[in-house]
Amino acid sequence: MNLPEIHDFLGCRTPSAWVDAALADQETLLIDHKNNEFKAAATAMALMAKYSLHLDLINFMSRLAREELVHHEQVLRIMKKRRVPLRAVSAARYASGLRKVVRNHEPAKLVDTLVVGAFIEARSCERFEALVPHLDEELGKFYFGLLKSEARHYQGYLKLAYQYGEAADVDAVIEKVRAVERELIESPDEAFRFHSGVPA
């Protein structure tokens, strides 16, 4: 688990105001986290379907989808134990904001999509790290356990980006996405979500 590497990769740390909002609304935190795990699995399976001739990508995404679904079930169990009812929660603007920078011609689209995936996983890891010291024992232990897998997913996405793209291009894409990601994390957000910005 290489957190310094993740801190260097991201353009900023999670603002303390977001941590305060998360601690004050742990029901929404859990519901949105559950939704994100499901979306991460769905994204991995969509990439497997779209890039069905890329063997290393398929292998990585298959394992990732399985792992994300396990996390989805684990969050559901915690919610059930804590009597957190299921309810509809709108998506944060985060992922769609990052996808706006994805080029729409191949192979650039694949490279950009993989870099965006790396940023989402890296930010998830950094947010779990920010929350762990403030949570109750059960949730803190669970989120600490997720740090390792999120860090591994980040590394996997990034490795594939360099495998399927030219190194200089991937480096340029990382710089571009990093600036957008930082803006999304540091700017005000009306609704609190796992990947939202600073609470407005």
N, C-alpha and C. Protein backbone atom coordinates (compact mmCIF):
# COMPACT_ATOMS: atom_id res chain seq x y z
N MET A 1 0.86 -1.19 0.00
CA MET A 1 0.00 0.00 0.00
C MET A 1 0.90 1.24 0.00
N ASN A 2 0.90 1.97 -1.12
CA ASN A 2 1.84 3.09 -1.24
C ASN A 2 1.09 4.42 -1.21
N LEU A 3 0.76 4.89 -0.02
CA LEU A 3 -0.01 6.13 0.10
C LEU A 3 0.79 7.37 -0.32
N PRO A 4 2.11 7.47 -0.02
CA PRO A 4 2.85 8.63 -0.52
C PRO A 4 2.77 8.75 -2.04
N GLU A 5 2.83 7.62 -2.75
CA GLU A 5 2.72 7.62 -4.21
C GLU A 5 1.35 8.17 -4.64
N ILE A 6 0.31 7.78 -3.92
CA ILE A 6 -1.04 8.27 -4.24
C ILE A 6 -1.17 9.76 -3.93
N HIS A 7 -0.58 10.20 -2.84
CA HIS A 7 -0.60 11.63 -2.51
C HIS A 7 0.12 12.45 -3.59
N ASP A 8 1.21 11.91 -4.11
CA ASP A 8 1.96 12.60 -5.17
C ASP A 8 1.16 12.62 -6.47
N PHE A 9 0.42 11.55 -6.73
CA PHE A 9 -0.36 11.43 -7.96
C PHE A 9 -1.53 12.42 -7.98
N LEU A 10 -2.20 12.55 -6.84
CA LEU A 10 -3.34 13.47 -6.75
C LEU A 10 -2.86 14.91 -6.64
N GLY A 11 -3.67 15.84 -7.12
CA GLY A 11 -3.29 17.25 -7.10
C GLY A 11 -3.53 17.95 -5.78
N CYS A 12 -4.28 17.30 -4.88
CA CYS A 12 -4.59 17.92 -3.59
C CYS A 12 -5.05 16.84 -2.62
N ARG A 13 -5.08 17.19 -1.34
CA ARG A 13 -5.65 16.31 -0.33
C ARG A 13 -7.11 16.67 -0.13
N THR A 14 -7.87 15.74 0.43
CA THR A 14 -9.27 16.00 0.73
C THR A 14 -9.40 17.13 1.75
N PRO A 15 -10.20 18.15 1.46
CA PRO A 15 -10.38 19.25 2.43
C PRO A 15 -11.03 18.75 3.72
N SER A 16 -10.64 19.32 4.85
CA SER A 16 -11.17 18.87 6.14
C SER A 16 -12.69 19.12 6.23
N ALA A 17 -13.19 20.11 5.50
CA ALA A 17 -14.64 20.37 5.51
C ALA A 17 -15.42 19.19 4.94
N TRP A 18 -14.83 18.49 3.96
CA TRP A 18 -15.49 17.29 3.41
C TRP A 18 -15.53 16.19 4.46
N VAL A 19 -14.41 16.00 5.19
CA VAL A 19 -14.36 14.97 6.24
C VAL A 19 -15.42 15.26 7.30
N ASP A 20 -15.55 16.51 7.70
CA ASP A 20 -16.58 16.90 8.69
C ASP A 20 -17.98 16.57 8.18
N ALA A 21 -18.23 16.86 6.90
CA ALA A 21 -19.55 16.58 6.31
C ALA A 21 -19.82 15.07 6.27
N ALA A 22 -18.79 14.29 5.95
CA ALA A 22 -18.93 12.83 5.89
C ALA A 22 -19.27 12.25 7.26
N LEU A 23 -18.58 12.74 8.28
CA LEU A 23 -18.82 12.25 9.64
C LEU A 23 -20.21 12.63 10.13
N ALA A 24 -20.70 13.78 9.66
CA ALA A 24 -22.03 14.26 10.08
C ALA A 24 -23.16 13.56 9.33
N ASP A 25 -22.86 12.92 8.21
CA ASP A 25 -23.89 12.27 7.39
C ASP A 25 -23.41 10.90 6.92
N GLN A 26 -23.20 10.01 7.89
CA GLN A 26 -22.64 8.70 7.55
C GLN A 26 -23.63 7.82 6.79
N GLU A 27 -24.92 8.09 6.91
CA GLU A 27 -25.91 7.33 6.13
C GLU A 27 -25.70 7.57 4.64
N THR A 28 -25.62 8.84 4.25
CA THR A 28 -25.39 9.16 2.83
C THR A 28 -24.04 8.66 2.38
N LEU A 29 -23.03 8.76 3.25
CA LEU A 29 -21.70 8.24 2.94
C LEU A 29 -21.77 6.77 2.56
N LEU A 30 -22.46 5.98 3.38
CA LEU A 30 -22.56 4.54 3.12
C LEU A 30 -23.36 4.23 1.86
N ILE A 31 -24.48 4.93 1.69
CA ILE A 31 -25.32 4.67 0.50
C ILE A 31 -24.55 5.01 -0.77
N ASP A 32 -23.89 6.16 -0.78
CA ASP A 32 -23.16 6.57 -1.97
C ASP A 32 -21.94 5.68 -2.19
N HIS A 33 -21.30 5.27 -1.12
CA HIS A 33 -20.17 4.34 -1.23
C HIS A 33 -20.63 3.03 -1.85
N LYS A 34 -21.75 2.50 -1.38
CA LYS A 34 -22.32 1.27 -1.96
C LYS A 34 -22.55 1.45 -3.46
N ASN A 35 -23.18 2.58 -3.83
CA ASN A 35 -23.46 2.85 -5.25
C ASN A 35 -22.17 2.92 -6.07
N ASN A 36 -21.14 3.53 -5.49
CA ASN A 36 -19.86 3.66 -6.20
C ASN A 36 -19.20 2.31 -6.45
N GLU A 37 -19.30 1.41 -5.48
CA GLU A 37 -18.72 0.07 -5.66
C GLU A 37 -19.43 -0.65 -6.81
N PHE A 38 -20.75 -0.51 -6.86
CA PHE A 38 -21.51 -1.14 -7.95
C PHE A 38 -21.12 -0.52 -9.30
N LYS A 39 -21.00 0.82 -9.33
CA LYS A 39 -20.64 1.50 -10.58
C LYS A 39 -19.23 1.12 -11.03
N ALA A 40 -18.33 0.94 -10.07
CA ALA A 40 -16.96 0.54 -10.41
C ALA A 40 -16.94 -0.84 -11.06
N ALA A 41 -17.78 -1.75 -10.53
CA ALA A 41 -17.89 -3.10 -11.13
C ALA A 41 -18.49 -3.01 -12.53
N ALA A 42 -19.53 -2.20 -12.67
CA ALA A 42 -20.20 -2.04 -13.97
C ALA A 42 -19.26 -1.43 -15.01
N THR A 43 -18.47 -0.45 -14.59
CA THR A 43 -17.49 0.18 -15.49
C THR A 43 -16.47 -0.84 -15.96
N ALA A 44 -15.97 -1.66 -15.02
CA ALA A 44 -14.99 -2.68 -15.37
C ALA A 44 -15.57 -3.67 -16.40
N MET A 45 -16.81 -4.07 -16.20
CA MET A 45 -17.43 -5.02 -17.13
C MET A 45 -17.70 -4.38 -18.49
N ALA A 46 -18.05 -3.09 -18.49
CA ALA A 46 -18.26 -2.37 -19.75
C ALA A 46 -16.95 -2.28 -20.54
N LEU A 47 -15.84 -2.06 -19.83
CA LEU A 47 -14.54 -1.99 -20.50
C LEU A 47 -14.14 -3.36 -21.06
N MET A 48 -14.47 -4.42 -20.33
CA MET A 48 -14.19 -5.78 -20.83
C MET A 48 -14.96 -6.03 -22.14
N ALA A 49 -16.21 -5.59 -22.18
CA ALA A 49 -17.04 -5.80 -23.36
C ALA A 49 -16.53 -4.97 -24.54
N LYS A 50 -16.15 -3.73 -24.26
CA LYS A 50 -15.74 -2.82 -25.34
C LYS A 50 -14.37 -3.17 -25.90
N TYR A 51 -13.45 -3.54 -25.01
CA TYR A 51 -12.07 -3.83 -25.44
C TYR A 51 -11.79 -5.33 -25.29
N SER A 52 -12.59 -6.11 -25.97
CA SER A 52 -12.59 -7.58 -25.78
C SER A 52 -11.36 -8.27 -26.38
N LEU A 53 -10.51 -7.52 -27.09
CA LEU A 53 -9.30 -8.13 -27.66
C LEU A 53 -8.05 -7.75 -26.87
N HIS A 54 -8.23 -7.03 -25.77
CA HIS A 54 -7.10 -6.60 -24.94
C HIS A 54 -7.00 -7.54 -23.73
N LEU A 55 -6.16 -8.56 -23.86
CA LEU A 55 -6.12 -9.65 -22.87
C LEU A 55 -5.80 -9.16 -21.45
N ASP A 56 -4.76 -8.34 -21.31
CA ASP A 56 -4.37 -7.89 -19.96
C ASP A 56 -5.47 -7.04 -19.33
N LEU A 57 -6.12 -6.22 -20.15
CA LEU A 57 -7.22 -5.40 -19.65
C LEU A 57 -8.37 -6.29 -19.15
N ILE A 58 -8.71 -7.30 -19.93
CA ILE A 58 -9.81 -8.20 -19.55
C ILE A 58 -9.50 -8.91 -18.24
N ASN A 59 -8.29 -9.41 -18.11
CA ASN A 59 -7.90 -10.10 -16.88
C ASN A 59 -8.01 -9.19 -15.66
N PHE A 60 -7.48 -7.97 -15.80
CA PHE A 60 -7.51 -7.02 -14.68
C PHE A 60 -8.95 -6.62 -14.33
N MET A 61 -9.72 -6.28 -15.36
CA MET A 61 -11.09 -5.80 -15.13
C MET A 61 -12.00 -6.89 -14.57
N SER A 62 -11.77 -8.12 -14.97
CA SER A 62 -12.57 -9.24 -14.45
C SER A 62 -12.36 -9.39 -12.94
N ARG A 63 -11.11 -9.35 -12.53
CA ARG A 63 -10.80 -9.44 -11.09
C ARG A 63 -11.34 -8.22 -10.35
N LEU A 64 -11.17 -7.05 -10.96
CA LEU A 64 -11.62 -5.81 -10.32
C LEU A 64 -13.14 -5.82 -10.13
N ALA A 65 -13.87 -6.23 -11.17
CA ALA A 65 -15.34 -6.24 -11.08
C ALA A 65 -15.80 -7.16 -9.95
N ARG A 66 -15.16 -8.32 -9.83
CA ARG A 66 -15.51 -9.27 -8.77
C ARG A 66 -15.26 -8.66 -7.40
N GLU A 67 -14.11 -8.01 -7.27
CA GLU A 67 -13.72 -7.41 -5.98
C GLU A 67 -14.66 -6.27 -5.60
N GLU A 68 -15.01 -5.43 -6.58
CA GLU A 68 -15.91 -4.30 -6.31
C GLU A 68 -17.29 -4.79 -5.89
N LEU A 69 -17.76 -5.87 -6.48
CA LEU A 69 -19.07 -6.43 -6.09
C LEU A 69 -19.03 -6.99 -4.67
N VAL A 70 -17.89 -7.57 -4.29
CA VAL A 70 -17.73 -8.04 -2.90
C VAL A 70 -17.80 -6.84 -1.95
N HIS A 71 -17.13 -5.75 -2.32
CA HIS A 71 -17.18 -4.54 -1.48
C HIS A 71 -18.61 -4.00 -1.40
N HIS A 72 -19.32 -4.04 -2.51
CA HIS A 72 -20.73 -3.61 -2.57
C HIS A 72 -21.56 -4.40 -1.55
N GLU A 73 -21.35 -5.72 -1.53
CA GLU A 73 -22.08 -6.58 -0.58
C GLU A 73 -21.67 -6.29 0.86
N GLN A 74 -20.39 -5.99 1.07
CA GLN A 74 -19.91 -5.69 2.43
C GLN A 74 -20.54 -4.40 2.96
N VAL A 75 -20.64 -3.38 2.10
CA VAL A 75 -21.27 -2.13 2.52
C VAL A 75 -22.74 -2.36 2.81
N LEU A 76 -23.39 -3.15 1.95
CA LEU A 76 -24.81 -3.49 2.18
C LEU A 76 -25.01 -4.14 3.55
N ARG A 77 -24.09 -5.05 3.91
CA ARG A 77 -24.20 -5.74 5.22
C ARG A 77 -24.09 -4.74 6.36
N ILE A 78 -23.13 -3.81 6.24
CA ILE A 78 -22.95 -2.79 7.28
C ILE A 78 -24.21 -1.91 7.37
N MET A 79 -24.76 -1.55 6.22
CA MET A 79 -25.98 -0.73 6.21
C MET A 79 -27.13 -1.47 6.88
N LYS A 80 -27.26 -2.75 6.59
CA LYS A 80 -28.34 -3.55 7.17
C LYS A 80 -28.19 -3.62 8.69
N LYS A 81 -26.95 -3.85 9.14
CA LYS A 81 -26.65 -3.93 10.57
C LYS A 81 -26.97 -2.61 11.28
N ARG A 82 -26.73 -1.50 10.58
CA ARG A 82 -26.93 -0.17 11.17
C ARG A 82 -28.32 0.39 10.87
N ARG A 83 -29.13 -0.44 10.24
CA ARG A 83 -30.51 -0.04 9.88
C ARG A 83 -30.52 1.23 9.02
N VAL A 84 -29.59 1.29 8.06
CA VAL A 84 -29.58 2.40 7.10
C VAL A 84 -30.45 1.98 5.92
N PRO A 85 -31.60 2.64 5.72
CA PRO A 85 -32.49 2.21 4.65
C PRO A 85 -31.96 2.58 3.27
N LEU A 86 -32.26 1.73 2.29
CA LEU A 86 -31.89 2.05 0.91
C LEU A 86 -32.76 3.21 0.44
N ARG A 87 -32.12 4.17 -0.22
CA ARG A 87 -32.87 5.26 -0.85
C ARG A 87 -32.07 5.76 -2.04
N ALA A 88 -32.78 6.39 -2.95
CA ALA A 88 -32.12 6.91 -4.16
C ALA A 88 -31.23 8.09 -3.79
N VAL A 89 -30.01 8.05 -4.27
CA VAL A 89 -29.06 9.14 -4.05
C VAL A 89 -28.48 9.50 -5.42
N SER A 90 -28.61 10.75 -5.80
CA SER A 90 -28.10 11.17 -7.11
C SER A 90 -26.57 11.06 -7.14
N ALA A 91 -26.06 10.86 -8.33
CA ALA A 91 -24.60 10.73 -8.49
C ALA A 91 -23.93 12.09 -8.27
N ALA A 92 -22.69 12.05 -7.78
CA ALA A 92 -21.89 13.27 -7.68
C ALA A 92 -21.52 13.71 -9.09
N ARG A 93 -21.09 14.97 -9.22
CA ARG A 93 -20.66 15.46 -10.54
C ARG A 93 -19.24 15.02 -10.86
N TYR A 94 -18.61 14.34 -9.91
CA TYR A 94 -17.18 14.00 -9.98
C TYR A 94 -16.82 13.16 -11.21
N ALA A 95 -17.41 11.96 -11.32
CA ALA A 95 -17.02 11.05 -12.40
C ALA A 95 -17.37 11.64 -13.77
N SER A 96 -18.55 12.24 -13.88
CA SER A 96 -18.94 12.83 -15.17
C SER A 96 -18.05 14.03 -15.49
N GLY A 97 -17.63 14.76 -14.45
CA GLY A 97 -16.71 15.88 -14.65
C GLY A 97 -15.36 15.42 -15.18
N LEU A 98 -14.88 14.30 -14.67
CA LEU A 98 -13.61 13.75 -15.14
C LEU A 98 -13.74 13.22 -16.57
N ARG A 99 -14.88 12.61 -16.86
CA ARG A 99 -15.05 12.01 -18.20
C ARG A 99 -15.16 13.05 -19.30
N LYS A 100 -15.44 14.28 -18.94
CA LYS A 100 -15.52 15.36 -19.96
C LYS A 100 -14.20 15.56 -20.68
N VAL A 101 -13.09 15.20 -20.04
CA VAL A 101 -11.78 15.41 -20.68
C VAL A 101 -11.36 14.22 -21.55
N VAL A 102 -12.13 13.15 -21.54
CA VAL A 102 -11.78 11.95 -22.32
C VAL A 102 -11.96 12.22 -23.81
N ARG A 103 -10.91 11.98 -24.58
CA ARG A 103 -10.98 12.15 -26.03
C ARG A 103 -11.87 11.05 -26.63
N ASN A 104 -12.49 11.32 -27.77
CA ASN A 104 -13.43 10.31 -28.28
C ASN A 104 -12.94 9.57 -29.51
N HIS A 105 -11.62 9.53 -29.71
CA HIS A 105 -11.07 8.68 -30.78
C HIS A 105 -10.10 7.68 -30.14
N GLU A 106 -10.04 6.49 -30.72
CA GLU A 106 -9.14 5.45 -30.20
C GLU A 106 -7.75 5.59 -30.84
N PRO A 107 -6.66 5.18 -30.16
CA PRO A 107 -6.65 4.56 -28.82
C PRO A 107 -6.65 5.58 -27.67
N ALA A 108 -6.74 6.87 -28.02
CA ALA A 108 -6.70 7.91 -26.98
C ALA A 108 -7.84 7.76 -25.97
N LYS A 109 -9.00 7.34 -26.46
CA LYS A 109 -10.16 7.19 -25.56
C LYS A 109 -9.89 6.16 -24.48
N LEU A 110 -9.29 5.04 -24.88
CA LEU A 110 -8.96 3.99 -23.90
C LEU A 110 -7.95 4.52 -22.88
N VAL A 111 -6.89 5.16 -23.36
CA VAL A 111 -5.85 5.69 -22.47
C VAL A 111 -6.46 6.67 -21.47
N ASP A 112 -7.27 7.62 -21.97
CA ASP A 112 -7.87 8.62 -21.10
C ASP A 112 -8.81 7.99 -20.08
N THR A 113 -9.59 7.00 -20.52
CA THR A 113 -10.52 6.31 -19.63
C THR A 113 -9.77 5.59 -18.51
N LEU A 114 -8.64 4.99 -18.85
CA LEU A 114 -7.83 4.29 -17.84
C LEU A 114 -7.21 5.28 -16.85
N VAL A 115 -6.76 6.44 -17.34
CA VAL A 115 -6.19 7.46 -16.45
C VAL A 115 -7.27 7.99 -15.50
N VAL A 116 -8.46 8.25 -16.04
CA VAL A 116 -9.59 8.69 -15.19
C VAL A 116 -9.87 7.63 -14.12
N GLY A 117 -9.88 6.36 -14.51
CA GLY A 117 -10.08 5.27 -13.55
C GLY A 117 -9.04 5.28 -12.45
N ALA A 118 -7.79 5.55 -12.83
CA ALA A 118 -6.70 5.61 -11.84
C ALA A 118 -6.94 6.73 -10.83
N PHE A 119 -7.41 7.88 -11.32
CA PHE A 119 -7.68 9.01 -10.42
C PHE A 119 -8.85 8.71 -9.47
N ILE A 120 -9.90 8.07 -9.99
CA ILE A 120 -11.05 7.74 -9.14
C ILE A 120 -10.63 6.79 -8.02
N GLU A 121 -9.85 5.77 -8.38
CA GLU A 121 -9.39 4.79 -7.37
C GLU A 121 -8.43 5.44 -6.37
N ALA A 122 -7.53 6.30 -6.87
CA ALA A 122 -6.58 6.98 -5.99
C ALA A 122 -7.31 7.89 -5.01
N ARG A 123 -8.31 8.63 -5.50
CA ARG A 123 -9.07 9.52 -4.62
C ARG A 123 -9.86 8.72 -3.60
N SER A 124 -10.44 7.60 -4.01
CA SER A 124 -11.18 6.76 -3.05
C SER A 124 -10.25 6.31 -1.93
N CYS A 125 -9.05 5.87 -2.31
CA CYS A 125 -8.06 5.43 -1.32
C CYS A 125 -7.72 6.57 -0.37
N GLU A 126 -7.47 7.76 -0.91
CA GLU A 126 -7.11 8.91 -0.09
C GLU A 126 -8.25 9.32 0.84
N ARG A 127 -9.49 9.19 0.36
CA ARG A 127 -10.65 9.55 1.21
C ARG A 127 -10.83 8.53 2.34
N PHE A 128 -10.66 7.26 2.04
CA PHE A 128 -10.74 6.26 3.12
C PHE A 128 -9.69 6.57 4.19
N GLU A 129 -8.49 6.90 3.74
CA GLU A 129 -7.40 7.23 4.67
C GLU A 129 -7.79 8.44 5.54
N ALA A 130 -8.41 9.45 4.92
CA ALA A 130 -8.79 10.66 5.65
C ALA A 130 -9.87 10.38 6.69
N LEU A 131 -10.74 9.41 6.39
CA LEU A 131 -11.87 9.11 7.28
C LEU A 131 -11.51 8.17 8.44
N VAL A 132 -10.62 7.21 8.17
CA VAL A 132 -10.36 6.12 9.12
C VAL A 132 -10.13 6.57 10.56
N PRO A 133 -9.28 7.58 10.81
CA PRO A 133 -9.00 7.95 12.21
C PRO A 133 -10.23 8.47 12.97
N HIS A 134 -11.27 8.88 12.26
CA HIS A 134 -12.43 9.52 12.89
C HIS A 134 -13.64 8.59 13.03
N LEU A 135 -13.56 7.39 12.49
CA LEU A 135 -14.73 6.50 12.45
C LEU A 135 -14.77 5.57 13.65
N ASP A 136 -15.94 4.97 13.90
CA ASP A 136 -16.04 3.95 14.95
C ASP A 136 -15.21 2.74 14.53
N GLU A 137 -14.97 1.84 15.47
CA GLU A 137 -14.04 0.73 15.24
C GLU A 137 -14.43 -0.13 14.03
N GLU A 138 -15.71 -0.48 13.93
CA GLU A 138 -16.15 -1.37 12.85
C GLU A 138 -15.94 -0.73 11.48
N LEU A 139 -16.44 0.49 11.30
CA LEU A 139 -16.34 1.15 10.01
C LEU A 139 -14.89 1.54 9.70
N GLY A 140 -14.17 1.97 10.73
CA GLY A 140 -12.75 2.32 10.56
C GLY A 140 -11.94 1.14 10.08
N LYS A 141 -12.18 -0.03 10.67
CA LYS A 141 -11.45 -1.24 10.30
C LYS A 141 -11.80 -1.64 8.85
N PHE A 142 -13.07 -1.53 8.49
CA PHE A 142 -13.52 -1.87 7.14
C PHE A 142 -12.88 -0.94 6.11
N TYR A 143 -12.93 0.36 6.37
CA TYR A 143 -12.36 1.33 5.42
C TYR A 143 -10.84 1.22 5.34
N PHE A 144 -10.21 0.92 6.46
CA PHE A 144 -8.75 0.71 6.43
C PHE A 144 -8.42 -0.50 5.55
N GLY A 145 -9.26 -1.53 5.63
CA GLY A 145 -9.07 -2.72 4.80
C GLY A 145 -9.21 -2.43 3.31
N LEU A 146 -10.03 -1.44 2.99
CA LEU A 146 -10.24 -1.09 1.58
C LEU A 146 -9.09 -0.28 0.98
N LEU A 147 -8.29 0.35 1.83
CA LEU A 147 -7.17 1.16 1.35
C LEU A 147 -6.27 0.37 0.39
N LYS A 148 -5.95 -0.85 0.79
CA LYS A 148 -5.02 -1.67 0.01
C LYS A 148 -5.58 -2.00 -1.37
N SER A 149 -6.87 -2.37 -1.42
CA SER A 149 -7.44 -2.74 -2.72
C SER A 149 -7.58 -1.52 -3.63
N GLU A 150 -7.98 -0.37 -3.06
CA GLU A 150 -8.10 0.84 -3.89
C GLU A 150 -6.74 1.24 -4.45
N ALA A 151 -5.70 1.13 -3.63
CA ALA A 151 -4.35 1.45 -4.09
C ALA A 151 -3.92 0.51 -5.21
N ARG A 152 -4.26 -0.76 -5.06
CA ARG A 152 -3.92 -1.75 -6.10
C ARG A 152 -4.68 -1.47 -7.40
N HIS A 153 -5.96 -1.09 -7.27
CA HIS A 153 -6.76 -0.77 -8.46
C HIS A 153 -6.19 0.45 -9.18
N TYR A 154 -5.79 1.46 -8.41
CA TYR A 154 -5.17 2.66 -9.00
C TYR A 154 -3.93 2.26 -9.81
N GLN A 155 -3.08 1.43 -9.19
CA GLN A 155 -1.85 1.01 -9.88
C GLN A 155 -2.16 0.20 -11.14
N GLY A 156 -3.20 -0.63 -11.07
CA GLY A 156 -3.58 -1.45 -12.23
C GLY A 156 -4.08 -0.61 -13.39
N TYR A 157 -4.93 0.35 -13.09
CA TYR A 157 -5.43 1.26 -14.13
C TYR A 157 -4.27 2.02 -14.78
N LEU A 158 -3.37 2.52 -13.96
CA LEU A 158 -2.26 3.34 -14.46
C LEU A 158 -1.30 2.49 -15.31
N LYS A 159 -1.03 1.29 -14.86
CA LYS A 159 -0.15 0.39 -15.61
C LYS A 159 -0.73 0.10 -16.99
N LEU A 160 -2.04 -0.14 -17.06
CA LEU A 160 -2.68 -0.41 -18.35
C LEU A 160 -2.64 0.82 -19.25
N ALA A 161 -2.81 2.01 -18.67
CA ALA A 161 -2.74 3.25 -19.47
C ALA A 161 -1.38 3.35 -20.17
N TYR A 162 -0.31 3.06 -19.43
CA TYR A 162 1.04 3.11 -20.02
C TYR A 162 1.26 1.96 -21.00
N GLN A 163 0.60 0.84 -20.76
CA GLN A 163 0.75 -0.31 -21.66
C GLN A 163 0.10 -0.04 -23.02
N TYR A 164 -1.06 0.61 -23.01
CA TYR A 164 -1.81 0.82 -24.25
C TYR A 164 -1.59 2.19 -24.87
N GLY A 165 -0.82 3.05 -24.21
CA GLY A 165 -0.55 4.40 -24.75
C GLY A 165 0.93 4.71 -24.79
N GLU A 166 1.26 5.80 -25.44
CA GLU A 166 2.64 6.29 -25.47
C GLU A 166 2.90 7.02 -24.14
N ALA A 167 4.07 6.77 -23.56
CA ALA A 167 4.38 7.30 -22.22
C ALA A 167 4.20 8.83 -22.14
N ALA A 168 4.70 9.55 -23.16
CA ALA A 168 4.61 11.01 -23.12
C ALA A 168 3.16 11.47 -23.17
N ASP A 169 2.34 10.78 -23.95
CA ASP A 169 0.92 11.12 -24.04
C ASP A 169 0.22 10.83 -22.71
N VAL A 170 0.52 9.68 -22.12
CA VAL A 170 -0.09 9.33 -20.84
C VAL A 170 0.28 10.36 -19.78
N ASP A 171 1.54 10.77 -19.76
CA ASP A 171 1.99 11.80 -18.81
C ASP A 171 1.19 13.10 -18.99
N ALA A 172 0.96 13.48 -20.25
CA ALA A 172 0.22 14.71 -20.54
C ALA A 172 -1.24 14.58 -20.09
N VAL A 173 -1.82 13.41 -20.32
CA VAL A 173 -3.21 13.16 -19.91
C VAL A 173 -3.33 13.23 -18.38
N ILE A 174 -2.35 12.65 -17.66
CA ILE A 174 -2.35 12.68 -16.20
C ILE A 174 -2.37 14.13 -15.71
N GLU A 175 -1.53 14.99 -16.31
CA GLU A 175 -1.49 16.40 -15.92
C GLU A 175 -2.85 17.07 -16.15
N LYS A 176 -3.45 16.78 -17.28
CA LYS A 176 -4.74 17.38 -17.63
C LYS A 176 -5.84 16.93 -16.67
N VAL A 177 -5.90 15.63 -16.41
CA VAL A 177 -6.94 15.09 -15.53
C VAL A 177 -6.71 15.54 -14.09
N ARG A 178 -5.44 15.62 -13.69
CA ARG A 178 -5.11 16.05 -12.32
C ARG A 178 -5.68 17.44 -12.03
N ALA A 179 -5.55 18.35 -12.99
CA ALA A 179 -6.06 19.72 -12.81
C ALA A 179 -7.58 19.73 -12.67
N VAL A 180 -8.25 18.95 -13.50
CA VAL A 180 -9.72 18.88 -13.45
C VAL A 180 -10.17 18.23 -12.14
N GLU A 181 -9.49 17.16 -11.75
CA GLU A 181 -9.84 16.44 -10.52
C GLU A 181 -9.68 17.33 -9.30
N ARG A 182 -8.60 18.09 -9.27
CA ARG A 182 -8.37 19.00 -8.14
C ARG A 182 -9.48 20.05 -8.05
N GLU A 183 -9.87 20.59 -9.20
CA GLU A 183 -10.95 21.59 -9.24
C GLU A 183 -12.26 20.99 -8.69
N LEU A 184 -12.56 19.75 -9.07
CA LEU A 184 -13.79 19.09 -8.61
C LEU A 184 -13.77 18.85 -7.10
N ILE A 185 -12.60 18.54 -6.56
CA ILE A 185 -12.46 18.24 -5.13
C ILE A 185 -12.46 19.51 -4.28
N GLU A 186 -11.89 20.59 -4.81
CA GLU A 186 -11.72 21.80 -4.00
C GLU A 186 -12.85 22.82 -4.18
N SER A 187 -13.66 22.66 -5.22
CA SER A 187 -14.74 23.62 -5.46
C SER A 187 -15.99 23.23 -4.67
N PRO A 188 -16.90 24.18 -4.42
CA PRO A 188 -18.09 23.89 -3.61
C PRO A 188 -19.06 22.94 -4.31
N ASP A 189 -19.71 22.10 -3.52
CA ASP A 189 -20.74 21.17 -4.01
C ASP A 189 -21.99 21.34 -3.15
N GLU A 190 -23.12 21.39 -3.80
CA GLU A 190 -24.40 21.53 -3.07
C GLU A 190 -24.69 20.28 -2.23
N ALA A 191 -24.51 19.11 -2.84
CA ALA A 191 -24.87 17.86 -2.16
C ALA A 191 -23.62 17.12 -1.70
N PHE A 192 -23.67 16.54 -0.50
CA PHE A 192 -22.56 15.73 -0.01
C PHE A 192 -22.61 14.35 -0.66
N ARG A 193 -21.49 13.92 -1.20
CA ARG A 193 -21.33 12.58 -1.76
C ARG A 193 -19.91 12.09 -1.46
N PHE A 194 -19.67 10.80 -1.70
CA PHE A 194 -18.33 10.25 -1.41
C PHE A 194 -17.25 11.00 -2.17
N HIS A 195 -17.54 11.40 -3.41
CA HIS A 195 -16.55 12.11 -4.21
C HIS A 195 -16.90 13.59 -4.42
N SER A 196 -17.75 14.16 -3.55
CA SER A 196 -18.12 15.56 -3.75
C SER A 196 -16.99 16.50 -3.35
N GLY A 197 -17.16 17.77 -3.75
CA GLY A 197 -16.18 18.79 -3.37
C GLY A 197 -16.47 19.31 -1.97
N VAL A 198 -16.05 20.53 -1.72
CA VAL A 198 -16.24 21.14 -0.40
C VAL A 198 -17.73 21.45 -0.23
N PRO A 199 -18.34 21.08 0.91
CA PRO A 199 -19.77 21.36 1.10
C PRO A 199 -20.07 22.85 0.98
N ALA A 200 -21.06 23.18 0.16
CA ALA A 200 -21.41 24.59 -0.06
C ALA A 200 -22.11 25.15 1.17
